[in-house]
């Protein structure tokens, strides 16, 4: 837990929020009635998390405070993974499993994200530990804590539901008696009843994940590498070998293997018909990988303890041998972390996230004059002004009809296409906040307002200035000044879009379509 807490706090203030975090930040600062109204339209899947963050940010609204719950949840997850390892295979394996989880870059990445994924991972780890305890206890009362934690976890994000399938496989592999199945079935039945309203509402908001695509085998490989303690080949293959060895530990494998495989497999299979999969939705499965690798290391350690030296057999049961193996394991993990230090350092840079809305706001302060009209293309780009209003305080949002909090939406309601055209006809210059591909004149958005934005910009304006954070980045957010074209000017056209390398579109709040490409 100390290792995870340290890595989580390291570089926590990276100097800017990205789109998803900005949604958490601005929604959580609304009143409870405003949040409730929003959930009827969008983001019901994150409702409990927004209400929780409403209480957190009431203490002090800042980027660091926004991310602190995720840091604490990640530290708790590392401790719970260690506790699982202790219960299943002993203190040494528990120690290694917890530290292994803490030094994995994927765990560190989401520990510093102002979203619910680290909290969901903590809930799943806690529920799995309670499952093992309930199986050992065998009593009816032992299932109530398990059911409570599972219900809260799935309410934080309903795509944690596949963990129930993993737990069912665990019970089957452990060959538990009928009374255990009965207790688990009652607990999961109550969870299902409690989640039905959330599932019903979120089904009506399924357009939020329309940007997702069906995963292929390349996503399987990427997830496997994300679950490794580092991307370097020796680290990845070493972890894979230890995981394979860990499968020989029957009780540990019965718990860890379903947790590792079932949730990703369920979501990837369903996503072939209706895309629902993203790596962050199965962050909680990482605990299974850490447990198996640690169990494999423990098995290797016991084998080494039986090697003869100078005619003497080193016994694993001896305190000295156990101490040496425990220290050696921690040293190996420390060395692994140090070799992957550049990966961790890069992840703590704002440039490693899909976008940096603080940069957009700072640029607006420097470039825009008081009263300048600003146009967001598409409207999701207004998140920069909602997260960092200082940069846009002196400007005029020319397309906005009703603010986000009052309209019960994430980024506000805009004027109709006809009204927007009339507003743009009254100005001679307009600043545009967009991503490069969103300004492609060949692009034909389904929304008539977005089509009007592009048509007016291409037909009536020309680019005077362009400011971009870093050249060479695909679909980086840019700021452009458009001025009205004089009579006789020849339309210059816009730069064609730069397609994302992996053909994906990122998520802005629970899968809402955006216009950039996130990093893995």
Protein backbone atom coordinates (compact mmCIF):
# COMPACT_ATOMS: atom_id res chain seq x y z
CA UNK A 1 0.00 0.00 0.00
CA UNK A 2 2.88 2.36 0.78
CA UNK A 3 4.44 1.67 -2.62
CA UNK A 4 1.15 2.28 -4.44
CA UNK A 5 0.46 5.42 -2.43
CA UNK A 6 3.93 6.76 -3.21
CA UNK A 7 3.70 6.09 -6.94
CA UNK A 8 0.17 7.49 -7.00
CA UNK A 9 1.16 10.76 -5.33
CA UNK A 10 4.27 11.14 -7.48
CA UNK A 11 3.53 13.74 -10.15
CA UNK A 12 -0.16 13.91 -9.23
CA UNK A 13 -0.40 17.58 -10.22
CA UNK A 14 0.61 17.24 -13.86
CA UNK A 15 -0.61 20.68 -14.87
CA UNK A 16 -3.87 20.01 -16.62
CA UNK A 17 -7.00 17.89 -16.87
CA UNK A 18 -8.03 15.99 -19.95
CA UNK A 19 -11.58 15.64 -21.24
CA UNK A 20 -12.92 12.83 -19.04
CA UNK A 21 -11.44 14.35 -15.90
CA UNK A 22 -12.88 17.74 -16.77
CA UNK A 23 -16.33 16.16 -16.94
CA UNK A 24 -15.91 14.79 -13.42
CA UNK A 25 -14.60 18.15 -12.23
CA UNK A 26 -17.42 20.29 -13.60
CA UNK A 27 -20.30 17.86 -13.01
CA UNK A 28 -19.29 17.15 -9.40
CA UNK A 29 -19.40 20.88 -8.63
CA UNK A 30 -23.04 21.19 -9.69
CA UNK A 31 -25.83 21.03 -7.16
CA UNK A 32 -27.32 17.63 -6.35
CA UNK A 33 -30.59 18.45 -8.22
CA UNK A 34 -28.53 19.48 -11.27
CA UNK A 35 -26.54 16.23 -11.12
CA UNK A 36 -29.77 14.25 -10.76
CA UNK A 37 -31.24 16.00 -13.81
CA UNK A 38 -28.09 15.25 -15.83
CA UNK A 39 -28.25 11.54 -14.99
CA UNK A 40 -31.68 11.30 -16.58
CA UNK A 41 -30.15 12.41 -19.87
CA UNK A 42 -26.58 11.09 -19.87
CA UNK A 43 -23.89 9.42 -17.71
CA UNK A 44 -26.23 7.45 -15.44
CA UNK A 45 -23.47 4.83 -15.34
CA UNK A 46 -21.31 7.34 -13.42
CA UNK A 47 -24.07 8.71 -11.19
CA UNK A 48 -22.88 7.31 -7.87
CA UNK A 49 -19.32 8.40 -8.62
CA UNK A 50 -20.42 11.97 -9.42
CA UNK A 51 -22.37 12.20 -6.16
CA UNK A 52 -19.35 10.90 -4.24
CA UNK A 53 -17.05 13.40 -5.96
CA UNK A 54 -19.58 16.17 -5.24
CA UNK A 55 -18.86 15.62 -1.53
CA UNK A 56 -15.10 15.36 -2.12
CA UNK A 57 -14.78 18.53 -4.19
CA UNK A 58 -16.95 20.43 -1.72
CA UNK A 59 -13.91 20.35 0.57
CA UNK A 60 -11.60 21.96 -1.99
CA UNK A 61 -12.13 21.92 -5.78
CA UNK A 62 -8.71 21.32 -7.34
CA UNK A 63 -7.05 18.91 -9.74
CA UNK A 64 -5.10 17.21 -6.96
CA UNK A 65 -8.20 16.68 -4.80
CA UNK A 66 -10.00 15.40 -7.92
CA UNK A 67 -7.45 12.59 -8.24
CA UNK A 68 -6.87 11.81 -4.56
CA UNK A 69 -9.79 9.33 -4.26
CA UNK A 70 -8.29 7.30 -7.12
CA UNK A 71 -4.87 7.33 -5.45
CA UNK A 72 -6.35 6.13 -2.16
CA UNK A 73 -8.43 3.50 -3.94
CA UNK A 74 -5.37 2.19 -5.79
CA UNK A 75 -3.46 1.94 -2.51
CA UNK A 76 -6.39 0.05 -1.00
CA UNK A 77 -6.44 -2.28 -4.01
CA UNK A 78 -2.75 -3.08 -3.57
CA UNK A 79 -3.42 -3.92 0.09
CA UNK A 80 -6.43 -6.07 -0.78
CA UNK A 81 -4.46 -7.94 -3.45
CA UNK A 82 -1.77 -8.58 -0.84
CA UNK A 83 -4.41 -9.79 1.63
CA UNK A 84 -5.76 -12.17 -1.01
CA UNK A 85 -2.27 -13.49 -1.65
CA UNK A 86 -1.70 -14.03 2.07
CA UNK A 87 -4.97 -15.92 2.46
CA UNK A 88 -4.44 -18.06 -0.63
CA UNK A 89 -0.69 -18.74 -0.62
CA UNK A 90 1.00 -17.19 2.40
CA UNK A 91 2.64 -13.90 3.46
CA UNK A 92 5.51 -13.98 0.98
CA UNK A 93 3.24 -14.40 -2.04
CA UNK A 94 0.89 -11.77 -0.62
CA UNK A 95 3.73 -9.28 -0.28
CA UNK A 96 4.93 -9.92 -3.82
CA UNK A 97 1.42 -9.74 -5.28
CA UNK A 98 0.68 -6.39 -3.63
CA UNK A 99 3.96 -4.82 -4.67
CA UNK A 100 3.63 -6.23 -8.18
CA UNK A 101 0.23 -4.60 -8.52
CA UNK A 102 1.62 -1.30 -7.21
CA UNK A 103 4.50 -1.08 -9.70
CA UNK A 104 2.46 -2.02 -12.79
CA UNK A 105 2.21 1.09 -15.02
CA UNK A 106 -1.48 0.49 -15.74
CA UNK A 107 -2.31 0.66 -12.02
CA UNK A 108 -0.30 3.87 -11.69
CA UNK A 109 -1.98 5.39 -14.71
CA UNK A 110 -5.52 5.02 -13.39
CA UNK A 111 -4.45 5.86 -9.84
CA UNK A 112 -3.90 9.37 -11.21
CA UNK A 113 -7.13 9.61 -13.17
CA UNK A 114 -10.11 11.57 -11.88
CA UNK A 115 -12.53 8.82 -12.89
CA UNK A 116 -14.11 5.82 -11.18
CA UNK A 117 -11.91 3.01 -12.52
CA UNK A 118 -9.49 2.80 -9.58
CA UNK A 119 -12.42 2.78 -7.15
CA UNK A 120 -14.06 -0.04 -9.10
CA UNK A 121 -10.80 -2.03 -8.97
CA UNK A 122 -10.71 -1.60 -5.19
CA UNK A 123 -14.32 -2.76 -4.91
CA UNK A 124 -13.69 -5.87 -7.00
CA UNK A 125 -10.56 -6.78 -5.02
CA UNK A 126 -12.50 -6.34 -1.78
CA UNK A 127 -15.42 -8.40 -3.07
CA UNK A 128 -13.07 -11.19 -4.15
CA UNK A 129 -11.46 -11.28 -0.71
CA UNK A 130 -14.91 -11.41 0.89
CA UNK A 131 -15.84 -14.24 -1.49
CA UNK A 132 -12.90 -16.32 -0.30
CA UNK A 133 -13.74 -15.57 3.32
CA UNK A 134 -17.40 -16.50 2.79
CA UNK A 135 -16.38 -19.80 1.17
CA UNK A 136 -14.12 -20.59 4.13
CA UNK A 137 -16.71 -19.50 6.71
CA UNK A 138 -19.65 -21.28 5.10
CA UNK A 139 -22.25 -19.30 7.04
CA UNK A 140 -25.18 -17.33 5.62
CA UNK A 141 -24.15 -14.06 7.28
CA UNK A 142 -20.78 -14.08 5.51
CA UNK A 143 -22.49 -13.34 2.19
CA UNK A 144 -24.05 -10.04 3.24
CA UNK A 145 -20.76 -8.09 3.22
CA UNK A 146 -19.91 -9.67 -0.12
CA UNK A 147 -23.25 -8.69 -1.67
CA UNK A 148 -23.00 -5.15 -0.32
CA UNK A 149 -19.54 -4.54 -1.75
CA UNK A 150 -20.45 -6.05 -5.13
CA UNK A 151 -23.59 -3.90 -5.35
CA UNK A 152 -21.69 -0.69 -4.55
CA UNK A 153 -18.92 -1.60 -7.00
CA UNK A 154 -21.31 -2.31 -9.87
CA UNK A 155 -23.22 0.88 -9.06
CA UNK A 156 -19.94 2.79 -9.49
CA UNK A 157 -19.64 1.30 -12.98
CA UNK A 158 -22.03 -1.33 -14.30
CA UNK A 159 -19.35 -2.94 -16.49
CA UNK A 160 -17.97 -4.43 -13.28
CA UNK A 161 -20.87 -6.93 -13.44
CA UNK A 162 -18.76 -9.57 -15.31
CA UNK A 163 -16.84 -10.10 -12.06
CA UNK A 164 -19.86 -12.12 -10.91
CA UNK A 165 -19.14 -14.54 -13.75
CA UNK A 166 -15.53 -14.75 -12.59
CA UNK A 167 -16.65 -15.54 -9.05
CA UNK A 168 -19.02 -18.22 -10.32
CA UNK A 169 -16.13 -19.90 -12.15
CA UNK A 170 -14.07 -19.67 -8.96
CA UNK A 171 -16.75 -21.49 -6.98
CA UNK A 172 -16.94 -24.17 -9.66
CA UNK A 173 -13.15 -24.68 -9.67
CA UNK A 174 -13.09 -24.89 -5.87
CA UNK A 175 -15.93 -27.47 -5.98
CA UNK A 176 -17.77 -25.82 -3.12
CA UNK A 177 -20.81 -27.52 -1.52
CA UNK A 178 -24.39 -26.66 -2.40
CA UNK A 179 -24.91 -24.40 0.63
CA UNK A 180 -22.11 -22.10 -0.62
CA UNK A 181 -23.74 -21.89 -4.05
CA UNK A 182 -27.03 -21.09 -2.34
CA UNK A 183 -25.51 -18.24 -0.30
CA UNK A 184 -23.73 -16.79 -3.31
CA UNK A 185 -26.85 -17.08 -5.46
CA UNK A 186 -28.97 -15.16 -2.96
CA UNK A 187 -26.34 -12.42 -2.69
CA UNK A 188 -26.02 -12.03 -6.47
CA UNK A 189 -29.80 -12.10 -6.87
CA UNK A 190 -30.14 -9.12 -4.55
CA UNK A 191 -27.36 -7.33 -6.45
CA UNK A 192 -29.15 -7.93 -9.76
CA UNK A 193 -32.42 -6.54 -8.42
CA UNK A 194 -30.68 -3.43 -7.11
CA UNK A 195 -28.91 -2.83 -10.43
CA UNK A 196 -31.96 -3.27 -12.67
CA UNK A 197 -32.99 0.43 -12.55
CA UNK A 198 -29.44 1.54 -13.43
CA UNK A 199 -29.25 -0.94 -16.31
CA UNK A 200 -32.64 0.16 -17.62
CA UNK A 201 -31.71 3.86 -17.59
CA UNK A 202 -28.23 3.34 -19.03
CA UNK A 203 -29.61 1.28 -21.92
CA UNK A 204 -31.37 4.40 -23.09
CA UNK A 205 -28.04 6.22 -23.02
CA UNK A 206 -26.11 3.60 -25.00
CA UNK A 207 -25.22 6.18 -27.64
CA UNK A 208 -22.47 7.33 -25.27
CA UNK A 209 -20.37 4.32 -26.23
CA UNK A 210 -21.12 4.50 -29.95
CA UNK A 211 -17.49 5.48 -30.52
CA UNK A 212 -16.25 2.05 -29.39
CA UNK A 213 -15.29 -0.56 -31.97
CA UNK A 214 -15.26 -4.35 -31.83
CA UNK A 215 -11.92 -5.50 -30.35
CA UNK A 216 -9.66 -7.84 -32.30
CA UNK A 217 -6.69 -9.96 -31.31
CA UNK A 218 -4.51 -6.87 -31.29
CA UNK A 219 -6.51 -5.60 -28.30
CA UNK A 220 -5.95 -8.90 -26.52
CA UNK A 221 -2.20 -8.54 -26.97
CA UNK A 222 -2.29 -4.92 -25.83
CA UNK A 223 -4.24 -5.82 -22.70
CA UNK A 224 -1.73 -8.57 -21.90
CA UNK A 225 1.13 -6.08 -22.18
CA UNK A 226 -0.76 -3.54 -20.08
CA UNK A 227 -1.17 -6.15 -17.36
CA UNK A 228 2.60 -6.75 -17.27
CA UNK A 229 4.84 -4.82 -14.82
CA UNK A 230 6.39 -3.08 -17.83
CA UNK A 231 6.42 -3.06 -21.63
CA UNK A 232 10.05 -4.19 -21.99
CA UNK A 233 10.34 -7.68 -23.49
CA UNK A 234 12.29 -9.29 -20.58
CA UNK A 235 9.77 -7.96 -18.07
CA UNK A 236 6.75 -8.98 -20.13
CA UNK A 237 7.96 -12.50 -20.89
CA UNK A 238 9.27 -13.00 -17.36
CA UNK A 239 5.86 -12.08 -15.93
CA UNK A 240 4.17 -14.37 -18.46
CA UNK A 241 6.34 -17.33 -17.45
CA UNK A 242 5.69 -16.73 -13.74
CA UNK A 243 1.96 -16.50 -14.46
CA UNK A 244 2.07 -19.85 -16.22
CA UNK A 245 3.96 -21.37 -13.27
CA UNK A 246 1.39 -19.85 -10.91
CA UNK A 247 -1.34 -21.92 -12.55
CA UNK A 248 0.13 -24.92 -10.69
CA UNK A 249 -1.04 -23.39 -7.41
CA UNK A 250 -4.57 -24.77 -7.49
CA UNK A 251 -6.32 -22.63 -4.88
CA UNK A 252 -4.68 -19.38 -5.98
CA UNK A 253 -5.34 -20.14 -9.65
CA UNK A 254 -8.99 -20.93 -8.92
CA UNK A 255 -9.45 -17.37 -7.65
CA UNK A 256 -6.98 -15.39 -9.78
CA UNK A 257 -7.38 -17.00 -13.21
CA UNK A 258 -11.16 -16.36 -13.57
CA UNK A 259 -10.65 -12.80 -12.31
CA UNK A 260 -7.97 -12.28 -14.95
CA UNK A 261 -9.75 -13.88 -17.91
CA UNK A 262 -13.54 -13.86 -17.49
CA UNK A 263 -14.32 -10.09 -17.41
CA UNK A 264 -12.20 -9.23 -20.47
CA UNK A 265 -13.46 -12.32 -22.31
CA UNK A 266 -17.11 -11.47 -21.58
CA UNK A 267 -16.80 -7.84 -22.67
CA UNK A 268 -14.76 -8.68 -25.78
CA UNK A 269 -17.23 -11.37 -26.81
CA UNK A 270 -20.26 -9.12 -26.31
CA UNK A 271 -18.42 -6.35 -28.14
CA UNK A 272 -18.35 -8.39 -31.33
CA UNK A 273 -22.09 -7.64 -31.61
CA UNK A 274 -22.34 -4.47 -29.54
CA UNK A 275 -19.01 -2.77 -28.73
CA UNK A 276 -18.61 -2.19 -24.99
CA UNK A 277 -14.95 -2.98 -24.44
CA UNK A 278 -12.11 -0.70 -23.43
CA UNK A 279 -9.02 -1.61 -21.40
CA UNK A 280 -9.96 0.75 -18.57
CA UNK A 281 -13.27 -1.04 -18.08
CA UNK A 282 -11.39 -4.18 -16.98
CA UNK A 283 -8.68 -2.55 -14.86
CA UNK A 284 -9.97 -4.65 -11.95
CA UNK A 285 -8.84 -7.83 -13.72
CA UNK A 286 -5.21 -6.74 -13.22
CA UNK A 287 -5.39 -8.11 -9.66
CA UNK A 288 -5.64 -11.63 -11.08
CA UNK A 289 -2.45 -11.17 -13.11
CA UNK A 290 -0.52 -9.93 -10.06
CA UNK A 291 -1.73 -12.84 -7.91
CA UNK A 292 -0.80 -15.48 -10.49
CA UNK A 293 2.66 -14.02 -11.16
CA UNK A 294 3.36 -13.80 -7.43
CA UNK A 295 2.16 -17.37 -6.91
CA UNK A 296 4.48 -18.49 -9.71
CA UNK A 297 7.37 -16.65 -8.07
CA UNK A 298 6.52 -18.34 -4.77
CA UNK A 299 6.58 -21.75 -6.43
CA UNK A 300 9.95 -20.98 -8.04
CA UNK A 301 11.23 -19.81 -4.66
CA UNK A 302 10.23 -23.08 -3.01
CA UNK A 303 11.95 -25.01 -5.79
CA UNK A 304 15.14 -23.02 -5.29
CA UNK A 305 14.93 -23.71 -1.57
CA UNK A 306 15.20 -27.42 -2.27
CA UNK A 307 18.43 -27.14 -4.25
CA UNK A 308 21.43 -28.84 -2.58
CA UNK A 309 24.51 -26.76 -1.83
CA UNK A 310 27.65 -28.51 -0.58
CA UNK A 311 25.67 -31.60 0.19
CA UNK A 312 23.12 -29.77 2.33
CA UNK A 313 19.48 -29.20 1.51
CA UNK A 314 18.10 -25.71 2.12
CA UNK A 315 14.69 -26.14 3.72
CA UNK A 316 11.91 -23.74 2.78
CA UNK A 317 10.45 -24.02 6.26
CA UNK A 318 13.48 -22.35 7.81
CA UNK A 319 13.11 -18.72 8.88
CA UNK A 320 16.39 -17.71 7.27
CA UNK A 321 15.43 -19.14 3.89
CA UNK A 322 11.98 -17.51 4.01
CA UNK A 323 13.55 -14.18 4.87
CA UNK A 324 16.11 -14.44 2.07
CA UNK A 325 13.45 -15.36 -0.49
CA UNK A 326 11.15 -12.54 0.63
CA UNK A 327 13.92 -9.94 0.45
CA UNK A 328 15.13 -11.30 -2.89
CA UNK A 329 11.62 -11.02 -4.31
CA UNK A 330 11.27 -7.42 -3.19
CA UNK A 331 14.68 -6.61 -4.68
CA UNK A 332 13.64 -8.12 -8.01
CA UNK A 333 10.44 -6.09 -7.98
CA UNK A 334 12.37 -2.93 -7.07
CA UNK A 335 14.79 -3.52 -9.93
CA UNK A 336 11.86 -4.10 -12.29
CA UNK A 337 10.31 -0.81 -11.21
CA UNK A 338 13.58 1.09 -11.65
CA UNK A 339 14.11 -0.30 -15.15
CA UNK A 340 10.60 0.84 -16.09
CA UNK A 341 11.06 4.26 -14.48
CA UNK A 342 11.02 6.12 -17.84
CA UNK A 343 7.59 4.62 -18.57
CA UNK A 344 6.23 5.81 -15.22
CA UNK A 345 7.80 9.25 -15.67
CA UNK A 346 6.30 9.65 -19.13
CA UNK A 347 2.88 8.68 -17.84
CA UNK A 348 2.98 11.56 -15.38
CA UNK A 349 3.28 14.11 -18.14
CA UNK A 350 0.18 16.02 -19.25
CA UNK A 351 1.18 15.36 -22.86
CA UNK A 352 0.65 11.63 -22.30
CA UNK A 353 -3.12 12.16 -21.91
CA UNK A 354 -5.44 12.61 -24.90
CA UNK A 355 -5.59 16.37 -24.44
CA UNK A 356 -4.61 19.15 -22.04
CA UNK A 357 -7.47 21.56 -21.49
CA UNK A 358 -5.35 23.80 -19.26
CA UNK A 359 -3.14 24.55 -22.26
CA UNK A 360 -6.19 25.55 -24.33
CA UNK A 361 -7.37 27.92 -21.61
CA UNK A 362 -3.92 29.46 -21.14
CA UNK A 363 -3.62 30.03 -24.88
CA UNK A 364 -7.04 31.67 -24.94
CA UNK A 365 -5.92 34.13 -22.24
CA UNK A 366 -2.89 35.12 -24.32
CA UNK A 367 -4.53 35.32 -27.74
CA UNK A 368 -8.16 36.36 -27.37
CA UNK A 369 -9.35 39.91 -26.92
CA UNK A 370 -12.27 40.92 -24.67
CA UNK A 371 -15.55 40.29 -26.44
CA UNK A 372 -14.09 37.99 -29.10
CA UNK A 373 -16.57 35.34 -30.28
CA UNK A 374 -15.43 31.73 -29.84
CA UNK A 375 -16.81 28.62 -31.55
CA UNK A 376 -16.25 25.07 -30.35
CA UNK A 377 -16.08 22.39 -33.06
CA UNK A 378 -17.63 20.06 -32.10
CA UNK A 379 -19.54 21.24 -29.03
CA UNK A 380 -17.68 18.79 -26.77
CA UNK A 381 -14.72 21.14 -27.07
CA UNK A 382 -16.57 23.45 -24.68
CA UNK A 383 -15.20 21.26 -21.89
CA UNK A 384 -12.07 23.44 -21.96
CA UNK A 385 -14.13 26.50 -21.04
CA UNK A 386 -16.09 24.57 -18.39
CA UNK A 387 -12.98 23.15 -16.73
CA UNK A 388 -10.89 26.33 -17.01
CA UNK A 389 -13.33 29.24 -17.33
CA UNK A 390 -10.64 31.87 -16.65
CA UNK A 391 -9.30 31.65 -20.19
CA UNK A 392 -12.72 32.22 -21.75
CA UNK A 393 -14.23 34.65 -19.24
CA UNK A 394 -13.75 37.67 -21.50
CA UNK A 395 -14.99 35.93 -24.65
CA UNK A 396 -18.45 35.27 -26.07
CA UNK A 397 -19.56 31.70 -26.80
CA UNK A 398 -21.32 32.45 -30.05
CA UNK A 399 -23.11 29.09 -30.39
CA UNK A 400 -24.26 28.58 -26.79
CA UNK A 401 -27.98 28.85 -26.08
CA UNK A 402 -28.18 27.35 -22.57
CA UNK A 403 -25.34 26.55 -20.14
CA UNK A 404 -24.45 22.96 -19.26
CA UNK A 405 -25.65 23.01 -15.61
CA UNK A 406 -28.98 24.63 -16.43
CA UNK A 407 -29.66 22.45 -19.49
CA UNK A 408 -28.88 19.18 -17.73
CA UNK A 409 -26.19 18.30 -20.28
CA UNK A 410 -22.44 17.81 -20.20
CA UNK A 411 -21.47 20.77 -22.38
CA UNK A 412 -24.61 22.86 -22.88
CA UNK A 413 -27.25 23.30 -25.56
CA UNK A 414 -26.40 25.21 -28.70
CA UNK A 415 -28.47 27.46 -30.95
CA UNK A 416 -30.30 25.95 -33.88
CA UNK A 417 -28.56 25.81 -37.26
CA UNK A 418 -30.47 28.83 -38.56
CA UNK A 419 -29.85 30.93 -35.45
CA UNK A 420 -26.15 30.03 -35.46
CA UNK A 421 -25.83 31.06 -39.10
CA UNK A 422 -27.39 34.45 -38.25
CA UNK A 423 -25.05 34.92 -35.30
CA UNK A 424 -21.97 34.14 -37.39
CA UNK A 425 -23.17 36.50 -40.11
CA UNK A 426 -22.92 39.35 -37.59
CA UNK A 427 -19.20 38.91 -36.83
CA UNK A 428 -16.07 39.46 -38.89
CA UNK A 429 -13.73 37.31 -36.80
CA UNK A 430 -14.22 34.21 -34.68
CA UNK A 431 -11.87 32.02 -32.68
CA UNK A 432 -12.34 28.28 -33.19
CA UNK A 433 -11.33 25.65 -30.62
CA UNK A 434 -11.18 22.27 -32.34
CA UNK A 435 -9.11 19.27 -33.25
CA UNK A 436 -7.62 19.30 -36.69
CA UNK A 437 -9.70 16.51 -38.21
CA UNK A 438 -12.91 18.13 -36.95
CA UNK A 439 -12.29 21.04 -39.37
CA UNK A 440 -11.99 18.92 -42.49
CA UNK A 441 -14.42 20.40 -45.07
CA UNK A 442 -15.10 16.89 -46.41
CA UNK A 443 -16.41 15.84 -43.02
CA UNK A 444 -20.21 15.61 -42.81
CA UNK A 445 -21.41 15.43 -39.19
CA UNK A 446 -24.86 14.02 -38.49
CA UNK A 447 -25.73 17.02 -36.32
CA UNK A 448 -27.08 19.90 -38.48
CA UNK A 449 -25.55 22.48 -36.12
CA UNK A 450 -22.09 20.95 -36.57
CA UNK A 451 -22.60 20.88 -40.35
CA UNK A 452 -23.53 24.56 -40.24
CA UNK A 453 -20.36 25.39 -38.33
CA UNK A 454 -18.18 23.78 -40.98
CA UNK A 455 -20.16 25.18 -43.90
CA UNK A 456 -19.97 28.77 -42.65
CA UNK A 457 -16.28 28.56 -41.72
CA UNK A 458 -15.29 27.12 -45.10
CA UNK A 459 -17.61 29.29 -47.19
CA UNK A 460 -17.41 32.66 -45.47
CA UNK A 461 -14.17 32.77 -43.46
CA UNK A 462 -10.46 32.21 -43.94
CA UNK A 463 -7.74 31.25 -41.46
CA UNK A 464 -5.68 34.16 -40.12
CA UNK A 465 -3.81 32.45 -37.25
CA UNK A 466 -3.30 28.95 -35.92
CA UNK A 467 -1.87 27.89 -32.57
CA UNK A 468 -1.18 24.27 -31.70
CA UNK A 469 0.40 22.81 -28.57
CA UNK A 470 2.86 20.52 -30.28
CA UNK A 471 3.44 19.97 -33.96
CA UNK A 472 3.39 16.40 -35.23
CA UNK A 473 0.74 15.15 -32.78
CA UNK A 474 -2.25 13.65 -34.54
CA UNK A 475 -5.51 15.44 -33.86
CA UNK A 476 -3.99 17.74 -31.26
CA UNK A 477 -6.31 20.49 -30.02
CA UNK A 478 -5.70 23.72 -31.88
CA UNK A 479 -6.85 27.31 -31.69
CA UNK A 480 -7.59 29.12 -34.95
CA UNK A 481 -8.58 32.69 -35.70
CA UNK A 482 -10.96 32.91 -38.66
CA UNK A 483 -11.64 36.27 -40.33
CA UNK A 484 -14.38 37.01 -42.80
CA UNK A 485 -13.31 36.51 -46.40
CA UNK A 486 -13.15 39.70 -48.45
CA UNK A 487 -14.91 39.93 -51.80
CA UNK A 488 -12.73 38.34 -54.43
CA UNK A 489 -10.83 36.08 -52.00
CA UNK A 490 -10.45 32.53 -53.19
CA UNK A 491 -11.40 29.85 -50.64
CA UNK A 492 -8.24 28.18 -49.48
CA UNK A 493 -9.82 25.03 -48.07
CA UNK A 494 -8.62 23.24 -44.97
CA UNK A 495 -6.01 20.65 -44.31
CA UNK A 496 -7.37 17.12 -44.75
CA UNK A 497 -7.90 15.18 -41.53
CA UNK A 498 -5.17 13.09 -40.01
CA UNK A 499 -6.67 9.74 -39.22
CA UNK A 500 -5.81 8.28 -35.80
CA UNK A 501 -3.23 5.54 -35.96
CA UNK A 502 -5.54 2.92 -34.51
CA UNK A 503 -8.77 4.16 -36.06
CA UNK A 504 -10.37 4.83 -32.70
CA UNK A 505 -12.18 7.79 -31.25
CA UNK A 506 -11.66 8.57 -27.57
CA UNK A 507 -14.08 8.74 -24.72
CA UNK A 508 -15.24 11.97 -23.10
CA UNK A 509 -17.17 10.92 -20.02
CA UNK A 510 -18.34 7.34 -20.01
CA UNK A 511 -17.91 6.90 -23.73
CA UNK A 512 -19.38 10.11 -25.10
CA UNK A 513 -17.98 10.63 -28.60
CA UNK A 514 -15.18 13.11 -28.93
CA UNK A 515 -12.74 14.07 -31.61
CA UNK A 516 -9.29 12.96 -30.52
CA UNK A 517 -7.37 9.76 -29.98
CA UNK A 518 -6.33 8.68 -26.46
CA UNK A 519 -3.12 6.89 -25.59
CA UNK A 520 -3.33 3.27 -24.49
